[in-house]
C-alpha atoms as a PDB file:
ATOM      1  CA  MET A   1      -1.199 -21.443  16.145  1.00  0.00           C
ATOM      2  CA  ILE A   2      -2.134 -18.174  14.103  1.00  0.00           C
ATOM      3  CA  GLN A   3      -0.665 -15.531  12.788  1.00  0.00           C
ATOM      4  CA  ILE A   4      -1.694 -12.151  12.388  1.00  0.00           C
ATOM      5  CA  ASP A   5      -0.137  -8.954  10.380  1.00  0.00           C
ATOM      6  CA  ASP A   6      -0.316  -6.119   7.977  1.00  0.00           C
ATOM      7  CA  ALA A   7       0.995  -4.804   4.440  1.00  0.00           C
ATOM      8  CA  GLY A   8       0.632  -1.261   3.193  1.00  0.00           C
ATOM      9  CA  SER A   9      -0.393   0.795   6.153  1.00  0.00           C
ATOM     10  CA  GLY A  10       3.312   2.629   5.308  1.00  0.00           C
ATOM     11  CA  SER A  11       2.108   3.077   1.820  1.00  0.00           C
ATOM     12  CA  LEU A  12       0.334   5.710   0.101  1.00  0.00           C
ATOM     13  CA  LEU A  13      -1.476   3.940  -2.544  1.00  0.00           C
ATOM     14  CA  GLY A  14      -4.557   1.907  -1.237  1.00  0.00           C
ATOM     15  CA  GLY A  15      -5.885   0.752   1.568  1.00  0.00           C
ATOM     16  CA  THR A  16      -4.413  -2.039   4.134  1.00  0.00           C
ATOM     17  CA  ILE A  17      -4.477  -5.787   4.235  1.00  0.00           C
ATOM     18  CA  ILE A  18      -5.004  -7.350   7.356  1.00  0.00           C
ATOM     19  CA  GLY A  19      -3.542 -11.321   6.944  1.00  0.00           C
ATOM     20  CA  VAL A  20      -4.780 -14.074   9.206  1.00  0.00           C
ATOM     21  CA  LEU A  21      -2.675 -17.278   9.142  1.00  0.00           C
ATOM     22  CA  ARG A  22      -2.808 -20.699  10.722  1.00  0.00           C
ATOM     23  CA  VAL A  23       0.754 -21.743  10.390  1.00  0.00           C
ATOM     24  CA  GLU A  24      -0.201 -25.673  11.089  1.00  0.00           C
ATOM     25  CA  THR A  25      -2.160 -25.726   7.768  1.00  0.00           C
ATOM     26  CA  ASN A  26      -1.272 -22.957   5.951  1.00  0.00           C
ATOM     27  CA  GLU A  27      -5.395 -21.817   6.158  1.00  0.00           C
ATOM     28  CA  TYR A  28      -4.927 -17.717   5.528  1.00  0.00           C
ATOM     29  CA  ARG A  29      -7.352 -15.012   5.181  1.00  0.00           C
ATOM     30  CA  TYR A  30      -6.736 -11.742   4.575  1.00  0.00           C
ATOM     31  CA  GLU A  31      -9.413  -8.708   3.898  1.00  0.00           C
ATOM     32  CA  ILE A  32      -8.661  -5.026   2.721  1.00  0.00           C
ATOM     33  CA  ILE A  33      -9.338  -1.987   4.942  1.00  0.00           C
ATOM     34  CA  PRO A  34     -11.397  -0.270   2.750  1.00  0.00           C
ATOM     35  CA  LEU A  35      -9.751   3.459   1.226  1.00  0.00           C
ATOM     36  CA  GLU A  36     -12.486   5.314   2.543  1.00  0.00           C
ATOM     37  CA  HIS A  37     -11.294   4.768   5.897  1.00  0.00           C
ATOM     38  CA  TYR A  38      -8.123   7.151   5.108  1.00  0.00           C
ATOM     39  CA  GLN A  39      -9.839  10.041   4.023  1.00  0.00           C
ATOM     40  CA  PRO A  40      -9.221  12.635   5.914  1.00  0.00           C
ATOM     41  CA  LYS A  41     -12.581  12.813   8.542  1.00  0.00           C
ATOM     42  CA  PRO A  42     -12.540   8.973   8.795  1.00  0.00           C
ATOM     43  CA  PHE A  43      -8.774   8.721   9.559  1.00  0.00           C
ATOM     44  CA  GLN A  44      -8.698  11.501  11.973  1.00  0.00           C
ATOM     45  CA  GLU A  45     -11.396   9.146  13.641  1.00  0.00           C
ATOM     46  CA  LYS A  46      -9.474   6.177  13.274  1.00  0.00           C
ATOM     47  CA  LYS A  47     -11.575   4.278  11.682  1.00  0.00           C
ATOM     48  CA  TYR A  48      -9.591   2.312   9.879  1.00  0.00           C
ATOM     49  CA  ILE A  49      -7.733   1.033  13.322  1.00  0.00           C
ATOM     50  CA  SER A  50     -11.705  -0.338  14.753  1.00  0.00           C
ATOM     51  CA  TYR A  51     -11.753  -2.097  11.580  1.00  0.00           C
ATOM     52  CA  VAL A  52      -9.084  -4.447  11.352  1.00  0.00           C
ATOM     53  CA  VAL A  53     -11.640  -5.611  14.544  1.00  0.00           C
ATOM     54  CA  ASP A  54     -14.054  -6.283  11.862  1.00  0.00           C
ATOM     55  CA  ILE A  55     -11.577  -8.540   9.850  1.00  0.00           C
ATOM     56  CA  VAL A  56     -10.088 -10.432  12.743  1.00  0.00           C
ATOM     57  CA  ASN A  57     -13.748 -10.923  13.904  1.00  0.00           C
ATOM     58  CA  ASN A  58     -14.503 -12.711  10.561  1.00  0.00           C
ATOM     59  CA  ALA A  59     -11.401 -14.411  10.244  1.00  0.00           C
ATOM     60  CA  PHE A  60     -12.072 -16.336  13.526  1.00  0.00           C
ATOM     61  CA  LYS A  61     -15.478 -17.521  12.425  1.00  0.00           C
ATOM     62  CA  GLU A  62     -14.199 -19.352   9.269  1.00  0.00           C
ATOM     63  CA  LEU A  63     -11.096 -20.721  10.702  1.00  0.00           C
ATOM     64  CA  LYS A  64     -12.770 -21.505  14.056  1.00  0.00           C
ATOM     65  CA  VAL A  65     -10.534 -20.177  16.409  1.00  0.00           C
ATOM     66  CA  GLY A  66     -10.620 -21.392  19.948  1.00  0.00           C
ATOM     67  CA  LYS A  67      -9.812 -19.628  22.985  1.00  0.00           C
ATOM     68  CA  ALA A  68      -6.902 -21.990  23.531  1.00  0.00           C
ATOM     69  CA  GLU A  69      -4.604 -21.594  20.692  1.00  0.00           C
ATOM     70  CA  LEU A  70      -1.792 -18.962  20.845  1.00  0.00           C
ATOM     71  CA  VAL A  71      -2.182 -16.490  18.531  1.00  0.00           C
ATOM     72  CA  GLN A  72       0.247 -14.502  17.713  1.00  0.00           C
ATOM     73  CA  VAL A  73      -0.053 -10.319  17.093  1.00  0.00           C
ATOM     74  CA  CYS A  74       1.807  -7.964  14.808  1.00  0.00           C
ATOM     75  CA  ARG A  75       3.223  -5.214  17.499  1.00  0.00           C
ATOM     76  CA  GLY A  76       2.032  -1.774  16.221  1.00  0.00           C
ATOM     77  CA  TYR A  77      -0.192   0.989  16.499  1.00  0.00           C
ATOM     78  CA  MET A  78      -2.759  -1.058  13.445  1.00  0.00           C
ATOM     79  CA  PHE A  79      -3.652  -3.716  15.604  1.00  0.00           C
ATOM     80  CA  GLU A  80      -4.168  -0.957  19.514  1.00  0.00           C
ATOM     81  CA  GLU A  81      -8.160  -1.652  19.275  1.00  0.00           C
ATOM     82  CA  LEU A  82      -7.525  -5.770  18.481  1.00  0.00           C
ATOM     83  CA  ASN A  83      -5.432  -6.727  21.415  1.00  0.00           C
ATOM     84  CA  LYS A  84      -8.311  -5.253  23.918  1.00  0.00           C
ATOM     85  CA  TRP A  85     -10.487  -6.937  21.776  1.00  0.00           C
ATOM     86  CA  LEU A  86      -8.307 -10.007  21.838  1.00  0.00           C
ATOM     87  CA  LYS A  87      -7.792  -9.555  26.332  1.00  0.00           C
ATOM     88  CA  SER A  88     -12.025  -8.672  26.723  1.00  0.00           C
ATOM     89  CA  ASN A  89     -12.948 -11.939  25.090  1.00  0.00           C
ATOM     90  CA  GLY A  90      -9.907 -13.961  26.407  1.00  0.00           C
ATOM     91  CA  TYR A  91      -7.767 -15.487  23.626  1.00  0.00           C
ATOM     92  CA  ASN A  92      -4.349 -16.397  24.159  1.00  0.00           C
ATOM     93  CA  TYR A  93      -3.042 -13.618  22.614  1.00  0.00           C
ATOM     94  CA  ILE A  94       1.128 -12.233  22.641  1.00  0.00           C
ATOM     95  CA  ASN A  95       2.552  -9.120  20.454  1.00  0.00           C
ATOM     96  CA  THR A  96       5.065  -9.996  18.632  1.00  0.00           C
ATOM     97  CA  GLN A  97       7.228  -9.303  16.041  1.00  0.00           C
ATOM     98  CA  ILE A  98       5.805 -11.329  13.097  1.00  0.00           C
ATOM     99  CA  GLN A  99       8.467 -13.460  10.940  1.00  0.00           C
ATOM    100  CA  GLU A 100       7.571 -16.129   8.354  1.00  0.00           C
ATOM    101  CA  PRO A 101       5.771 -17.640   6.969  1.00  0.00           C
ATOM    102  CA  LEU A 102       2.796 -14.988   7.533  1.00  0.00           C
ATOM    103  CA  GLN A 103       5.276 -12.152   6.947  1.00  0.00           C
ATOM    104  CA  ALA A 104       5.796 -12.680   3.425  1.00  0.00           C
ATOM    105  CA  ILE A 105       2.346 -13.933   2.319  1.00  0.00           C
ATOM    106  CA  VAL A 106       0.504 -10.922   3.531  1.00  0.00           C
ATOM    107  CA  GLU A 107       3.101  -8.680   1.643  1.00  0.00           C
ATOM    108  CA  LYS A 108       2.676 -10.346  -1.596  1.00  0.00           C
ATOM    109  CA  SER A 109      -1.159  -9.728  -0.573  1.00  0.00           C
ATOM    110  CA  PHE A 110      -0.684  -6.141  -1.285  1.00  0.00           C
ATOM    111  CA  GLU A 111       2.246  -6.430  -3.811  1.00  0.00           C
ATOM    112  CA  ASP A 112      -0.988  -7.947  -5.934  1.00  0.00           C
ATOM    113  CA  TYR A 113      -3.799  -5.719  -4.455  1.00  0.00           C
ATOM    114  CA  ALA A 114      -1.369  -2.644  -5.845  1.00  0.00           C
ATOM    115  CA  ILE A 115      -0.931  -4.801  -9.089  1.00  0.00           C
ATOM    116  CA  ALA A 116      -4.743  -4.450  -9.613  1.00  0.00           C
ATOM    117  CA  LEU A 117      -5.411  -0.774  -8.457  1.00  0.00           C
ATOM    118  CA  GLY A 118      -3.121  -0.492 -11.645  1.00  0.00           C
ATOM    119  CA  LEU A 119       0.698  -0.211 -10.676  1.00  0.00           C
ATOM    120  CA  PRO A 120       2.929  -2.128 -13.179  1.00  0.00           C
ATOM    121  CA  ARG A 121       4.197  -5.255 -12.030  1.00  0.00           C
ATOM    122  CA  ASP A 122       7.423  -4.530 -13.485  1.00  0.00           C
ATOM    123  CA  PHE A 123       7.660  -1.729 -10.877  1.00  0.00           C
ATOM    124  CA  ILE A 124       6.958  -3.854  -8.214  1.00  0.00           C
ATOM    125  CA  THR A 125       9.944  -6.715  -9.522  1.00  0.00           C
ATOM    126  CA  TYR A 126      12.762  -4.076 -10.515  1.00  0.00           C
ATOM    127  CA  THR A 127      12.428  -0.869  -7.365  1.00  0.00           C
ATOM    128  CA  LYS A 128      14.164  -2.010  -4.316  1.00  0.00           C
ATOM    129  CA  PHE A 129      11.506  -0.160  -2.483  1.00  0.00           C
ATOM    130  CA  PRO A 130       8.126   0.198  -4.608  1.00  0.00           C
ATOM    131  CA  PHE A 131       6.119   1.213  -2.222  1.00  0.00           C
ATOM    132  CA  HIS A 132       8.473   4.642  -0.759  1.00  0.00           C
ATOM    133  CA  PHE A 133       6.638   7.678  -0.151  1.00  0.00           C
ATOM    134  CA  HIS A 134       8.309   9.919  -3.113  1.00  0.00           C
ATOM    135  CA  ARG A 135       8.547   6.799  -5.681  1.00  0.00           C
ATOM    136  CA  ILE A 136       5.079   5.926  -5.268  1.00  0.00           C
ATOM    137  CA  LEU A 137       4.210  10.077  -5.663  1.00  0.00           C
ATOM    138  CA  LYS A 138       5.976  10.143  -8.848  1.00  0.00           C
ATOM    139  CA  TRP A 139       3.134   7.276 -10.751  1.00  0.00           C
ATOM    140  CA  VAL A 140       0.758   9.582  -8.947  1.00  0.00           C
ATOM    141  CA  TYR A 141       1.070  12.494 -10.739  1.00  0.00           C
ATOM    142  CA  ALA A 142       1.700  10.593 -14.137  1.00  0.00           C
ATOM    143  CA  ASP A 143      -1.627  11.116 -14.020  1.00  0.00           C
ATOM    144  CA  PHE A 144      -2.684  12.742 -11.104  1.00  0.00           C
ATOM    145  CA  GLU A 145      -6.673  13.038 -11.879  1.00  0.00           C
ATOM    146  CA  ASN A 146      -7.421   9.676 -11.936  1.00  0.00           C
ATOM    147  CA  ARG A 147      -4.368   8.258  -9.173  1.00  0.00           C
ATOM    148  CA  SER A 148      -5.485  10.423  -6.643  1.00  0.00           C
ATOM    149  CA  THR A 149      -8.436   8.758  -5.723  1.00  0.00           C
ATOM    150  CA  LEU A 150      -5.974   6.063  -5.084  1.00  0.00           C
ATOM    151  CA  CYS A 151      -4.263   7.685  -2.247  1.00  0.00           C
ATOM    152  CA  LYS A 152      -4.896   7.675   1.630  1.00  0.00           C
ATOM    153  CA  THR A 153      -5.652  11.553   1.557  1.00  0.00           C
ATOM    154  CA  GLY A 154      -5.959  11.905   5.310  1.00  0.00           C
ATOM    155  CA  TRP A 155      -2.783  11.580   5.685  1.00  0.00           C
ATOM    156  CA  LYS A 156      -0.607  14.594   6.436  1.00  0.00           C
ATOM    157  CA  SER A 157       2.304  14.098   4.115  1.00  0.00           C
ATOM    158  CA  TRP A 158      -0.680  13.582   1.329  1.00  0.00           C
ATOM    159  CA  THR A 159      -1.810  17.519   2.262  1.00  0.00           C
ATOM    160  CA  LYS A 160       2.127  18.461   2.450  1.00  0.00           C
ATOM    161  CA  TYR A 161       2.657  16.864  -1.364  1.00  0.00           C
ATOM    162  CA  SER A 162      -0.753  16.376  -3.287  1.00  0.00           C
ATOM    163  CA  ASN A 163      -0.648  20.317  -4.616  1.00  0.00           C
ATOM    164  CA  LEU A 164       2.943  19.950  -5.821  1.00  0.00           C
ATOM    165  CA  GLN A 165       4.252  22.960  -8.808  1.00  0.00           C
ATOM    166  CA  LEU A 166       4.415  20.974 -11.895  1.00  0.00           C
ATOM    167  CA  HIS A 167       7.573  22.401 -14.839  1.00  0.00           C
ATOM    168  CA  ARG A 168       6.552  20.876 -18.056  1.00  0.00           C
ATOM    169  CA  SER A 169       9.448  19.724 -20.435  1.00  0.00           C
ATOM    170  CA  GLN A 170      10.840  18.410 -23.552  1.00  0.00           C
ATOM    171  CA  GLU A 171      13.702  16.521 -23.628  1.00  0.00           C
ATOM    172  CA  ARG A 172      15.423  13.981 -25.522  1.00  0.00           C
ATOM    173  CA  VAL A 173      15.697  10.241 -24.146  1.00  0.00           C
ATOM    174  CA  LYS A 174      19.579   9.091 -23.796  1.00  0.00           C
ATOM    175  CA  HIS A 175      21.267   6.129 -22.695  1.00  0.00           C
ATOM    176  CA  LYS A 176      18.588   3.215 -22.015  1.00  0.00           C
ATOM    177  CA  ASP A 177      14.512   2.897 -23.035  1.00  0.00           C
ATOM    178  CA  LEU A 178      12.034   4.068 -20.794  1.00  0.00           C
ATOM    179  CA  ILE A 179       9.468   3.107 -20.408  1.00  0.00           C
ATOM    180  CA  CYS A 180       6.794   5.672 -19.755  1.00  0.00           C
ATOM    181  CA  LEU A 181       4.397   6.045 -16.224  1.00  0.00           C
ATOM    182  CA  LYS A 182       1.011   7.315 -17.567  1.00  0.00           C
ATOM    183  CA  CYS A 183       0.385   4.042 -20.040  1.00  0.00           C
ATOM    184  CA  ASN A 184       3.731   1.429 -18.755  1.00  0.00           C
ATOM    185  CA  GLY A 185       4.898   1.579 -22.946  1.00  0.00           C
ATOM    186  CA  VAL A 186       8.196   2.435 -23.556  1.00  0.00           C
ATOM    187  CA  ILE A 187       9.770   5.103 -24.487  1.00  0.00           C
ATOM    188  CA  PRO A 188      12.505   4.113 -26.857  1.00  0.00           C
ATOM    189  CA  CYS A 189      15.657   5.770 -26.393  1.00  0.00           C
ATOM    190  CA  ASN A 190      16.449   8.565 -28.709  1.00  0.00           C
ATOM    191  CA  SER A 191      13.657   9.908 -28.718  1.00  0.00           C
ATOM    192  CA  MET A 192      11.758  12.622 -27.937  1.00  0.00           C
ATOM    193  CA  ALA A 193       9.390  12.672 -24.047  1.00  0.00           C
ATOM    194  CA  SER A 194       7.146  14.766 -22.053  1.00  0.00           C
ATOM    195  CA  VAL A 195       8.318  15.325 -18.888  1.00  0.00           C
ATOM    196  CA  LEU A 196       6.659  16.806 -16.009  1.00  0.00           C
ATOM    197  CA  LYS A 197       9.282  17.791 -12.751  1.00  0.00           C
ATOM    198  CA  PHE A 198       8.478  18.562  -9.804  1.00  0.00           C
ATOM    199  CA  TYR A 199      10.450  18.833  -6.315  1.00  0.00           C
ATOM    200  CA  SER A 200       8.906  16.357  -2.852  1.00  0.00           C
ATOM    201  CA  ASN A 201      11.902  15.509  -0.866  1.00  0.00           C
ATOM    202  CA  ARG A 202      14.319  16.324  -3.942  1.00  0.00           C
ATOM    203  CA  SER A 203      14.014  17.181  -7.425  1.00  0.00           C
ATOM    204  CA  HIS A 204      12.169  14.560  -9.349  1.00  0.00           C
ATOM    205  CA  LYS A 205      11.020  13.435 -13.300  1.00  0.00           C
ATOM    206  CA  VAL A 206       8.224  11.598 -14.790  1.00  0.00           C
ATOM    207  CA  PHE A 207       8.894  10.543 -18.096  1.00  0.00           C
ATOM    208  CA  LEU A 208       5.330  10.209 -20.539  1.00  0.00           C
ATOM    209  CA  HIS A 209       5.034   9.262 -23.883  1.00  0.00           C
ATOM    210  CA  ASN A 210       4.449  13.156 -25.898  1.00  0.00           C
ATOM    211  CA  GLU A 211       0.638  11.834 -26.565  1.00  0.00           C
ATOM    212  CA  CYS A 212       0.276  10.725 -23.140  1.00  0.00           C
ATOM    213  CA  LEU A 213       0.372  14.267 -21.527  1.00  0.00           C
ATOM    214  CA  LYS A 214      -2.938  16.076 -21.955  1.00  0.00           C
END
C-alpha cells in the first residue's frame, strides 16, 4: 500500500514537502515544492498544486508502483490535480486521512528541512506549535532582510504582516536566560538586551543581543 501526504503547506517558512511511502517495505521518497512556486504570481496560478503531480510521478517511477496497488491520498486542496492524474492514469486510489507511519515521517522531513533553512532545532523541540504563523513571524523579523526570502510571499497573510511597524528599545533580561532569535546565542539573565516590538495578532517582543540588532 502506498501513502501520500504533505508537510509544511501551512507553514510560512519554506516550500512544502510531499512524501510517498510504501508501507510494507518502508520505502520512502519525498521532494520539496520549491519556494518560488509560493511567490505572488505562481501562487495565484496554483503552480504548487500542479507540481505535486510531478513529485508523485517521479516517486511512482522509482518505487515501481503498479496500477492495482492501493494508494491512499491525503484529503485536501494540495492533491486536487493529483487526484485527477491518478484517475486518468487508472491508479487504484482513495482519499483519506493519512496517519502513521507516513504522518510522522513526512513531518520529520519538514522539520529537518526547516532546520536546514536556519530555524533553530530548539525552536522546534521546545515550542508546542513551532510552525505557527506568528511564531515564525517573530523569527523572521529578527533578521528580516535575510529570512523574508524564505517565506511564502504569495500568501495574503504575508502581505498583511510583512511591513509592520517596529519599535526598538532596551530591556533588562529578568528571571532566566533568553535566546537571541538572530544568532541563537544565549542572552544572560540580568543583562541588557535589544528588543524589537511589533503587533500582529497580539503584541510581540523579539529579544536580541545588542550587537545583533543593526
